[in-house]
Protein backbone atom coordinates (compact mmCIF):
# COMPACT_ATOMS: atom_id res chain seq x y z
CA UNK A 1 113.49 82.89 35.40
CA UNK A 2 113.93 86.79 34.48
CA UNK A 3 117.26 86.70 35.34
CA UNK A 4 118.25 83.85 33.02
CA UNK A 5 116.33 85.07 30.03
CA UNK A 6 118.52 88.63 30.63
CA UNK A 7 121.64 87.02 30.92
CA UNK A 8 120.58 84.80 27.55
CA UNK A 9 119.89 88.02 25.75
CA UNK A 10 123.32 89.77 26.66
CA UNK A 11 125.14 86.79 25.79
CA UNK A 12 123.41 86.72 22.22
CA UNK A 13 124.01 90.67 21.97
CA UNK A 14 127.66 90.12 22.84
CA UNK A 15 127.82 86.94 20.36
CA UNK A 16 126.06 89.25 17.47
CA UNK A 17 128.56 92.10 18.20
CA UNK A 18 131.65 89.75 18.24
CA UNK A 19 130.71 88.15 14.95
CA UNK A 20 129.60 91.49 13.13
CA UNK A 21 132.36 93.74 13.89
CA UNK A 22 135.35 91.40 14.59
CA UNK A 23 135.00 87.70 12.98
CA UNK A 24 133.33 88.92 9.80
CA UNK A 25 135.49 91.74 8.81
CA UNK A 26 138.42 89.60 9.38
CA UNK A 27 137.26 86.95 7.47
CA UNK A 28 136.44 89.14 4.51
CA UNK A 29 139.57 90.84 4.70
CA UNK A 30 141.91 87.95 5.19
CA UNK A 31 140.28 85.02 3.58
CA UNK A 32 138.43 86.20 1.10
CA UNK A 33 140.68 89.42 0.49
CA UNK A 34 137.58 91.23 -0.62
CA UNK A 35 138.75 94.32 1.56
CA UNK A 36 142.12 96.05 1.98
CA UNK A 37 143.46 96.40 5.26
CA UNK A 38 143.36 100.03 5.04
CA UNK A 39 139.66 100.07 4.63
CA UNK A 40 139.27 97.81 7.58
CA UNK A 41 141.09 100.26 9.64
CA UNK A 42 138.92 103.22 8.26
CA UNK A 43 135.74 100.91 9.27
CA UNK A 44 137.12 100.35 12.71
CA UNK A 45 137.89 103.71 13.19
CA UNK A 46 134.52 105.20 12.25
CA UNK A 47 132.73 102.29 14.19
CA UNK A 48 134.93 103.48 17.30
CA UNK A 49 134.11 107.05 16.49
CA UNK A 50 130.36 106.33 16.30
CA UNK A 51 130.08 104.02 19.21
CA UNK A 52 132.08 106.67 21.30
CA UNK A 53 129.56 109.38 20.36
CA UNK A 54 126.57 106.94 21.19
CA UNK A 55 128.30 105.76 24.54
CA UNK A 56 128.88 109.34 25.42
CA UNK A 57 125.27 110.47 24.44
CA UNK A 58 123.78 107.37 26.49
CA UNK A 59 125.85 108.17 29.47
CA UNK A 60 124.48 111.45 29.76
CA UNK A 61 120.80 109.84 29.40
CA UNK A 62 121.70 107.04 32.06
CA UNK A 63 123.19 109.86 34.50
CA UNK A 64 119.84 111.79 34.13
CA UNK A 65 118.00 108.54 34.80
CA UNK A 66 119.91 107.74 37.72
CA UNK A 67 119.47 110.88 38.90
CA UNK A 68 115.90 110.86 38.66
CA UNK A 69 115.65 107.32 39.99
CA UNK A 70 117.62 108.94 42.92
CA UNK A 71 115.14 111.67 43.31
CA UNK A 72 112.32 109.20 42.98
CA UNK A 73 114.05 106.70 45.61
CA UNK A 74 114.42 109.81 48.08
CA UNK A 75 110.81 110.90 47.59
CA UNK A 76 109.77 107.17 47.95
CA UNK A 77 111.85 107.04 51.49
CA UNK A 78 110.24 110.32 52.67
CA UNK A 79 106.75 108.60 51.72
CA UNK A 80 107.70 105.35 53.56
CA UNK A 81 108.89 107.30 56.67
CA UNK A 82 105.54 109.53 56.47
CA UNK A 83 103.28 106.09 55.96
CA UNK A 84 105.67 104.35 58.67
CA UNK A 85 104.95 107.49 61.18
CA UNK A 86 101.28 107.72 60.18
CA UNK A 87 100.92 103.75 61.11
CA UNK A 88 102.94 104.39 64.50
CA UNK A 89 100.46 107.55 65.20
CA UNK A 90 97.39 105.62 64.37
CA UNK A 91 98.78 102.51 66.64
CA UNK A 92 99.46 104.89 69.48
CA UNK A 93 96.25 106.60 68.93
CA UNK A 94 94.18 103.47 69.19
CA UNK A 95 95.86 102.42 72.05
CA UNK A 96 95.21 105.92 73.78
CA UNK A 97 91.79 105.32 72.72
CA UNK A 98 91.70 102.30 74.62
CA UNK A 99 93.27 103.30 77.53
CA UNK A 100 91.08 106.48 77.85
CA UNK A 101 87.66 104.15 77.19
CA UNK A 102 89.24 101.86 80.01
CA UNK A 103 89.57 105.12 82.32
CA UNK A 104 86.22 105.92 81.32
CA UNK A 105 85.06 102.39 82.60
CA UNK A 106 86.95 102.81 85.63
CA UNK A 107 85.39 106.04 86.60
CA UNK A 108 82.01 104.42 86.22
CA UNK A 109 83.18 101.63 88.48
CA UNK A 110 84.57 103.98 91.36
CA UNK A 111 81.34 105.93 91.33
CA UNK A 112 79.26 102.90 91.72
CA UNK A 113 80.77 101.98 95.18
CA UNK A 114 81.87 103.77 98.49
CA UNK A 115 83.31 100.63 99.97
CA UNK A 116 87.03 101.30 100.73
CA UNK A 117 88.14 97.80 100.07
CA UNK A 118 86.19 97.38 96.62
CA UNK A 119 87.65 100.77 95.75
CA UNK A 120 91.05 99.77 96.59
CA UNK A 121 90.78 96.53 94.53
CA UNK A 122 89.43 98.40 91.53
CA UNK A 123 92.25 100.59 91.41
CA UNK A 124 95.10 98.17 91.97
CA UNK A 125 93.46 95.79 89.22
CA UNK A 126 92.99 98.99 86.75
CA UNK A 127 96.75 99.84 87.09
CA UNK A 128 98.00 96.26 86.70
CA UNK A 129 96.19 95.58 83.49
CA UNK A 130 95.94 98.73 81.91
CA UNK A 131 99.40 99.99 82.48
CA UNK A 132 101.57 96.91 82.93
CA UNK A 133 99.78 94.55 81.11
CA UNK A 134 99.43 92.03 83.90
CA UNK A 135 102.97 91.70 84.19
CA UNK A 136 105.17 92.47 86.93
CA UNK A 137 103.74 93.47 90.31
CA UNK A 138 101.60 96.38 91.59
CA UNK A 139 101.41 97.45 94.90
CA UNK A 140 99.11 99.76 96.55
CA UNK A 141 100.47 101.31 99.92
CA UNK A 142 98.42 103.42 101.93
CA UNK A 143 99.30 105.65 105.22
CA UNK A 144 98.24 104.44 108.52
CA UNK A 145 96.50 106.95 110.47
CA UNK A 146 98.05 105.80 113.78
CA UNK A 147 101.69 105.32 112.77
CA UNK A 148 101.31 107.84 109.73
CA UNK A 149 103.80 105.31 108.06
CA UNK A 150 103.16 103.37 104.68
CA UNK A 151 101.35 100.24 104.91
CA UNK A 152 101.05 97.63 102.30
CA UNK A 153 97.24 97.38 101.45
CA UNK A 154 96.78 95.65 98.25
CA UNK A 155 99.00 93.52 95.79
CA UNK A 156 98.61 92.19 92.15
CA UNK A 157 101.37 90.04 90.76
CA UNK A 158 102.17 88.15 87.68
CA UNK A 159 103.94 85.71 89.96
CA UNK A 160 101.41 84.32 92.53
CA UNK A 161 104.19 82.87 94.31
CA UNK A 162 106.43 85.90 94.90
CA UNK A 163 106.15 87.50 98.42
CA UNK A 164 106.22 91.27 98.90
CA UNK A 165 108.51 91.86 101.84
CA UNK A 166 108.84 95.41 102.14
CA UNK A 167 105.21 95.92 104.31
CA UNK A 168 106.14 99.62 105.06
CA UNK A 169 107.67 100.32 101.60
CA UNK A 170 111.36 100.61 100.36
CA UNK A 171 113.50 103.33 99.56
CA UNK A 172 111.59 104.22 95.94
CA UNK A 173 108.35 104.65 97.88
CA UNK A 174 109.83 106.90 100.74
CA UNK A 175 111.14 108.78 97.89
CA UNK A 176 107.61 109.46 96.61
CA UNK A 177 106.50 109.94 99.68
CA UNK A 178 109.05 112.54 100.53
CA UNK A 179 108.57 114.32 97.16
CA UNK A 180 104.62 113.77 96.52
CA UNK A 181 105.59 113.44 92.95
CA UNK A 182 105.48 110.60 90.64
CA UNK A 183 108.75 108.40 89.98
CA UNK A 184 110.01 106.71 86.83
CA UNK A 185 113.15 104.62 86.97
CA UNK A 186 114.20 102.95 83.82
CA UNK A 187 116.83 100.99 85.45
CA UNK A 188 117.67 100.79 88.86
CA UNK A 189 121.35 99.99 88.13
CA UNK A 190 121.86 103.52 86.24
CA UNK A 191 119.80 105.77 88.30
CA UNK A 192 121.76 108.42 90.10
CA UNK A 193 119.05 109.15 92.84
CA UNK A 194 119.38 105.96 94.60
CA UNK A 195 122.44 104.89 96.43
CA UNK A 196 123.49 101.32 94.83
CA UNK A 197 124.78 100.42 98.27
CA UNK A 198 121.74 100.80 99.81
CA UNK A 199 119.73 98.93 97.10
CA UNK A 200 122.14 95.95 98.31
CA UNK A 201 121.35 96.34 101.53
CA UNK A 202 117.72 96.15 101.28
CA UNK A 203 116.06 92.70 100.88
CA UNK A 204 114.68 93.55 97.42
CA UNK A 205 112.60 91.28 94.86
CA UNK A 206 114.17 91.28 91.36
CA UNK A 207 113.54 94.58 90.36
CA UNK A 208 115.19 96.63 87.43
CA UNK A 209 112.51 99.24 86.32
CA UNK A 210 109.25 100.65 88.24
CA UNK A 211 106.99 103.36 88.03
CA UNK A 212 105.20 104.99 91.06
CA UNK A 213 102.39 107.82 91.78
CA UNK A 214 101.37 109.38 94.99
CA UNK A 215 97.68 109.72 96.22
CA UNK A 216 97.14 113.48 97.16
CA UNK A 217 93.89 115.04 98.16
CA UNK A 218 93.90 118.47 99.51
CA UNK A 219 97.68 118.57 99.91
CA UNK A 220 97.45 115.55 102.09
CA UNK A 221 99.43 112.37 101.12
CA UNK A 222 97.04 109.49 101.32
CA UNK A 223 99.74 106.58 99.85
CA UNK A 224 100.86 105.41 96.63
CA UNK A 225 100.51 103.25 93.78
CA UNK A 226 103.33 101.36 92.25
CA UNK A 227 104.34 98.98 89.30
CA UNK A 228 107.60 97.38 89.19
CA UNK A 229 109.43 94.71 86.70
CA UNK A 230 112.10 92.54 87.10
CA UNK A 231 113.32 93.92 83.16
CA UNK A 232 114.81 97.23 82.44
CA UNK A 233 113.21 100.01 80.57
CA UNK A 234 109.79 98.37 80.92
CA UNK A 235 107.99 101.56 81.50
CA UNK A 236 107.61 105.03 79.61
CA UNK A 237 106.67 108.59 80.36
CA UNK A 238 102.85 107.49 78.94
CA UNK A 239 102.81 104.74 81.30
CA UNK A 240 103.75 107.15 84.10
CA UNK A 241 101.21 109.55 82.85
CA UNK A 242 98.29 107.05 82.73
CA UNK A 243 99.37 105.71 86.34
CA UNK A 244 99.13 109.30 87.66
CA UNK A 245 95.75 109.69 86.18
CA UNK A 246 94.82 106.24 87.98
CA UNK A 247 96.18 107.60 91.17
CA UNK A 248 94.26 111.01 90.65
CA UNK A 249 90.68 108.98 90.24
CA UNK A 250 91.78 106.85 92.82
CA UNK A 251 92.61 109.66 95.41
CA UNK A 252 89.19 110.94 95.09
CA UNK A 253 87.55 107.62 95.09
CA UNK A 254 89.20 106.65 98.33
CA UNK A 255 88.54 110.19 100.23
CA UNK A 256 85.01 109.91 99.38
CA UNK A 257 84.91 106.67 100.80
CA UNK A 258 86.56 107.80 104.28
CA UNK A 259 84.29 110.88 104.26
CA UNK A 260 81.20 108.35 103.85
CA UNK A 261 82.60 105.82 106.44
CA UNK A 262 83.07 109.06 108.96
CA UNK A 263 79.47 110.17 107.94
CA UNK A 264 78.44 106.48 108.77
CA UNK A 265 80.18 106.45 111.76
CA UNK A 266 78.68 109.79 112.92
CA UNK A 267 75.51 108.49 112.33
CA UNK A 268 75.79 105.23 114.33
CA UNK A 269 77.82 106.76 117.14
CA UNK A 270 77.53 109.43 119.61
CA UNK A 271 79.84 112.25 118.91
CA UNK A 272 80.46 112.82 122.84
CA UNK A 273 80.78 109.19 124.36
CA UNK A 274 81.49 107.25 120.99
CA UNK A 275 78.75 104.85 121.85
CA UNK A 276 75.92 103.78 119.74
CA UNK A 277 73.17 106.68 118.87
CA UNK A 278 69.61 106.17 119.85
CA UNK A 279 68.77 105.44 116.63
CA UNK A 280 71.16 102.90 115.74
CA UNK A 281 70.82 101.02 118.76
CA UNK A 282 67.14 100.86 118.61
CA UNK A 283 67.84 99.05 115.22
CA UNK A 284 69.98 97.03 116.73
CA UNK A 285 67.80 95.79 119.33
CA UNK A 286 65.10 95.21 116.71
CA UNK A 287 67.66 92.76 115.14
CA UNK A 288 68.44 91.04 118.33
CA UNK A 289 64.89 90.41 119.22
CA UNK A 290 64.39 88.50 115.88
CA UNK A 291 67.61 86.79 116.21
CA UNK A 292 67.09 85.36 119.83
CA UNK A 293 63.58 84.48 118.89
CA UNK A 294 64.66 82.35 116.09
CA UNK A 295 67.20 80.84 118.58
CA UNK A 296 64.76 80.48 121.22
CA UNK A 297 67.31 82.12 123.85
CA UNK A 298 67.10 85.05 126.17
CA UNK A 299 69.12 88.57 126.53
CA UNK A 300 68.55 91.31 128.87
CA UNK A 301 68.32 94.90 128.55
CA UNK A 302 69.80 97.50 130.80
CA UNK A 303 68.44 101.11 131.11
CA UNK A 304 70.73 103.08 133.14
CA UNK A 305 70.00 106.74 134.48
CA UNK A 306 72.63 108.73 136.05
CA UNK A 307 71.46 109.98 139.57
CA UNK A 308 71.08 113.80 139.82
CA UNK A 309 72.84 114.66 136.72
CA UNK A 310 71.62 118.22 136.91
CA UNK A 311 73.73 119.03 139.84
CA UNK A 312 76.64 118.19 138.09
CA UNK A 313 75.76 120.94 135.39
CA UNK A 314 74.56 123.61 137.93
CA UNK A 315 77.38 123.09 140.56
CA UNK A 316 80.50 122.47 137.87
CA UNK A 317 79.18 123.61 134.84
CA UNK A 318 78.18 121.81 131.35
CA UNK A 319 81.78 120.71 130.70
CA UNK A 320 81.85 118.96 133.89
CA UNK A 321 78.55 117.04 132.75
CA UNK A 322 80.35 116.17 129.60
CA UNK A 323 83.17 114.69 131.59
CA UNK A 324 80.89 112.52 133.76
CA UNK A 325 79.16 111.01 130.49
CA UNK A 326 82.23 110.03 128.91
CA UNK A 327 83.41 108.53 132.53
CA UNK A 328 80.22 106.25 132.21
CA UNK A 329 80.54 105.44 128.74
CA UNK A 330 84.10 104.21 129.44
CA UNK A 331 83.20 102.36 132.39
CA UNK A 332 80.42 100.32 130.61
CA UNK A 333 82.74 99.66 127.66
CA UNK A 334 85.19 98.46 129.78
CA UNK A 335 83.37 96.34 132.52
CA UNK A 336 81.14 94.61 129.79
CA UNK A 337 83.55 94.18 127.13
CA UNK A 338 84.04 90.61 127.56
CA UNK A 339 80.30 89.72 127.20
CA UNK A 340 79.87 91.05 123.27
CA UNK A 341 77.41 93.91 124.92
CA UNK A 342 75.66 96.58 122.62
CA UNK A 343 75.98 99.80 124.54
CA UNK A 344 74.18 103.18 123.29
CA UNK A 345 73.61 106.50 124.47
CA UNK A 346 69.63 106.68 124.97
CA UNK A 347 69.11 110.22 125.92
CA UNK A 348 70.69 113.05 127.73
CA UNK A 349 72.12 111.14 130.72
CA UNK A 350 70.39 107.68 129.73
CA UNK A 351 72.34 104.81 128.58
CA UNK A 352 71.12 101.26 127.22
CA UNK A 353 73.37 98.01 127.48
CA UNK A 354 72.13 94.81 125.64
CA UNK A 355 73.55 91.71 127.16
CA UNK A 356 73.62 88.61 124.90
CA UNK A 357 72.61 85.08 126.27
CA UNK A 358 71.78 86.75 130.01
CA UNK A 359 68.85 85.95 131.86
CA UNK A 360 67.28 87.95 134.81
CA UNK A 361 69.36 86.86 137.32
CA UNK A 362 72.71 87.14 135.43
CA UNK A 363 72.02 90.32 134.23
CA UNK A 364 70.87 91.83 137.41
CA UNK A 365 73.87 90.52 139.05
CA UNK A 366 76.03 92.20 136.19
CA UNK A 367 74.09 95.43 136.67
CA UNK A 368 74.59 95.70 140.27
CA UNK A 369 78.32 94.80 140.33
CA UNK A 370 78.85 97.58 137.56
CA UNK A 371 76.79 99.95 139.77
CA UNK A 372 79.10 99.46 142.89
CA UNK A 373 81.83 99.79 141.03
CA UNK A 374 80.71 103.00 139.34
CA UNK A 375 79.99 103.96 142.82
CA UNK A 376 83.58 103.51 144.12
CA UNK A 377 84.94 105.58 141.02
CA UNK A 378 86.27 108.98 141.97
CA UNK A 379 85.91 112.02 139.64
CA UNK A 380 87.87 115.15 139.85
CA UNK A 381 85.74 118.40 139.02
CA UNK A 382 87.28 121.39 139.51
CA UNK A 383 89.81 120.13 141.77
CA UNK A 384 86.70 118.73 144.01
CA UNK A 385 86.63 114.99 144.23
CA UNK A 386 83.07 113.59 143.74
CA UNK A 387 81.61 110.10 142.53
CA UNK A 388 78.70 108.85 140.64
CA UNK A 389 75.74 106.78 141.18
CA UNK A 390 73.06 105.36 138.85
CA UNK A 391 69.90 103.81 139.01
CA UNK A 392 69.36 100.61 136.32
CA UNK A 393 66.15 98.87 135.43
CA UNK A 394 66.44 95.36 133.79
CA UNK A 395 64.05 93.67 131.67
CA UNK A 396 64.78 90.43 129.68
CA UNK A 397 63.65 89.18 126.17
CA UNK A 398 61.41 87.11 125.95
CA UNK A 399 60.15 86.70 129.53
CA UNK A 400 59.05 90.58 130.42
CA UNK A 401 58.36 91.39 126.47
CA UNK A 402 58.96 89.62 123.19
CA UNK A 403 59.16 92.80 121.11
CA UNK A 404 61.63 95.89 121.21
CA UNK A 405 59.29 98.79 122.13
CA UNK A 406 57.59 96.71 125.11
CA UNK A 407 60.89 95.58 126.11
CA UNK A 408 62.31 99.23 126.45
CA UNK A 409 59.03 99.96 128.52
CA UNK A 410 59.52 97.61 130.83
CA UNK A 411 63.26 98.30 131.41
CA UNK A 412 62.25 101.97 131.59
CA UNK A 413 59.62 101.27 134.15
CA UNK A 414 62.00 99.14 136.23
CA UNK A 415 64.63 102.26 136.13
CA UNK A 416 62.40 104.64 137.46
CA UNK A 417 61.19 102.02 140.02
CA UNK A 418 64.80 102.26 141.06
CA UNK A 419 64.89 106.21 141.31
CA UNK A 420 61.41 106.17 143.36
CA UNK A 421 63.40 103.44 146.06
CA UNK A 422 66.04 106.05 146.84
CA UNK A 423 68.39 105.90 143.57
CA UNK A 424 71.64 104.10 143.09
CA UNK A 425 69.57 100.75 142.93
CA UNK A 426 69.28 98.07 140.19
CA UNK A 427 65.48 96.82 140.16
CA UNK A 428 63.40 94.36 137.99
CA UNK A 429 59.81 94.47 137.03
């Protein structure tokens, strides 16, 4: 509508100009003969001079106006750029605030648990949701303590049907393990660090970009956390920094979990023989009494004491005594392993064995067979061949006792009965 009105105004002005300066003067001069041709020329000459002056004057103003418009447009463009930059910065800051709040929540979740499996799941889920927005694939590799190789531990995948075939990692994971530094690959096809021929040989999933960060604690490589995508240029340096932060938090949490597990293991297992400690064994014995009372079933307890153990220490030294203790613990473990036993070191040279679902007759027979095998075992101590004998007491739940303290007492009495009878025997109450 505005353009139409402007066009009509222009058309009207042109018609008025044409009528006033051309048609009307020519009509007066030639039709009415009110003006001479000379005066008409003077009229047009004066008007041309006036119009030329006005045009020149207005052109200067127009130029200044155009210049001012250009200056204002430049200022407007600068302001628009600044505004666009500020909007981007604000959006970036908001994204960072969201990420850092998520990291704070992650720290709280990691501090709430010492379970290794749960911590690994939290780390993987955090990386998959915060960094890759639940797109692509997230893989957690940890170093296997026995093989010292990477082993696939956890995965999170956008495509649940996708199978990760690289159970021990691929060339990208080996690179991170070798350099112990984070890795960003924007486009695998254009990255000179990796041989394209090797990429073709490997049976890879559709991958074009990835980021990966190692788990390092006290200069020890624990594993790595990796995100990859079938699209190029999916990840940025900010994403890599966030992944590295998650990995740093995760490495501390995983190490704390390992230390806690080791502490628990030390509390449960004897350091010399690797059998259960007395405290943990008594707790298990209490649980077994409750379990078998509920089942109305029987189990037997063996109390085992090494005969003349002091002689080993006196004749061969305390190191020899440790060798004897380890030898007996190994023999007990191997002999009873098919019976799902609970074996503990009860004292200095005393051992206890819980044999589930074994009545007194069966337990006595097993104990005597084990005693005979142990007697035949030869041990070399300071280049001297010697053998071991043990005295064993057998007590059966619930026939000899129906509470753990009384059952231990009965087994202990039976063991001392075997010692008084000449050692190297199995006795019952």
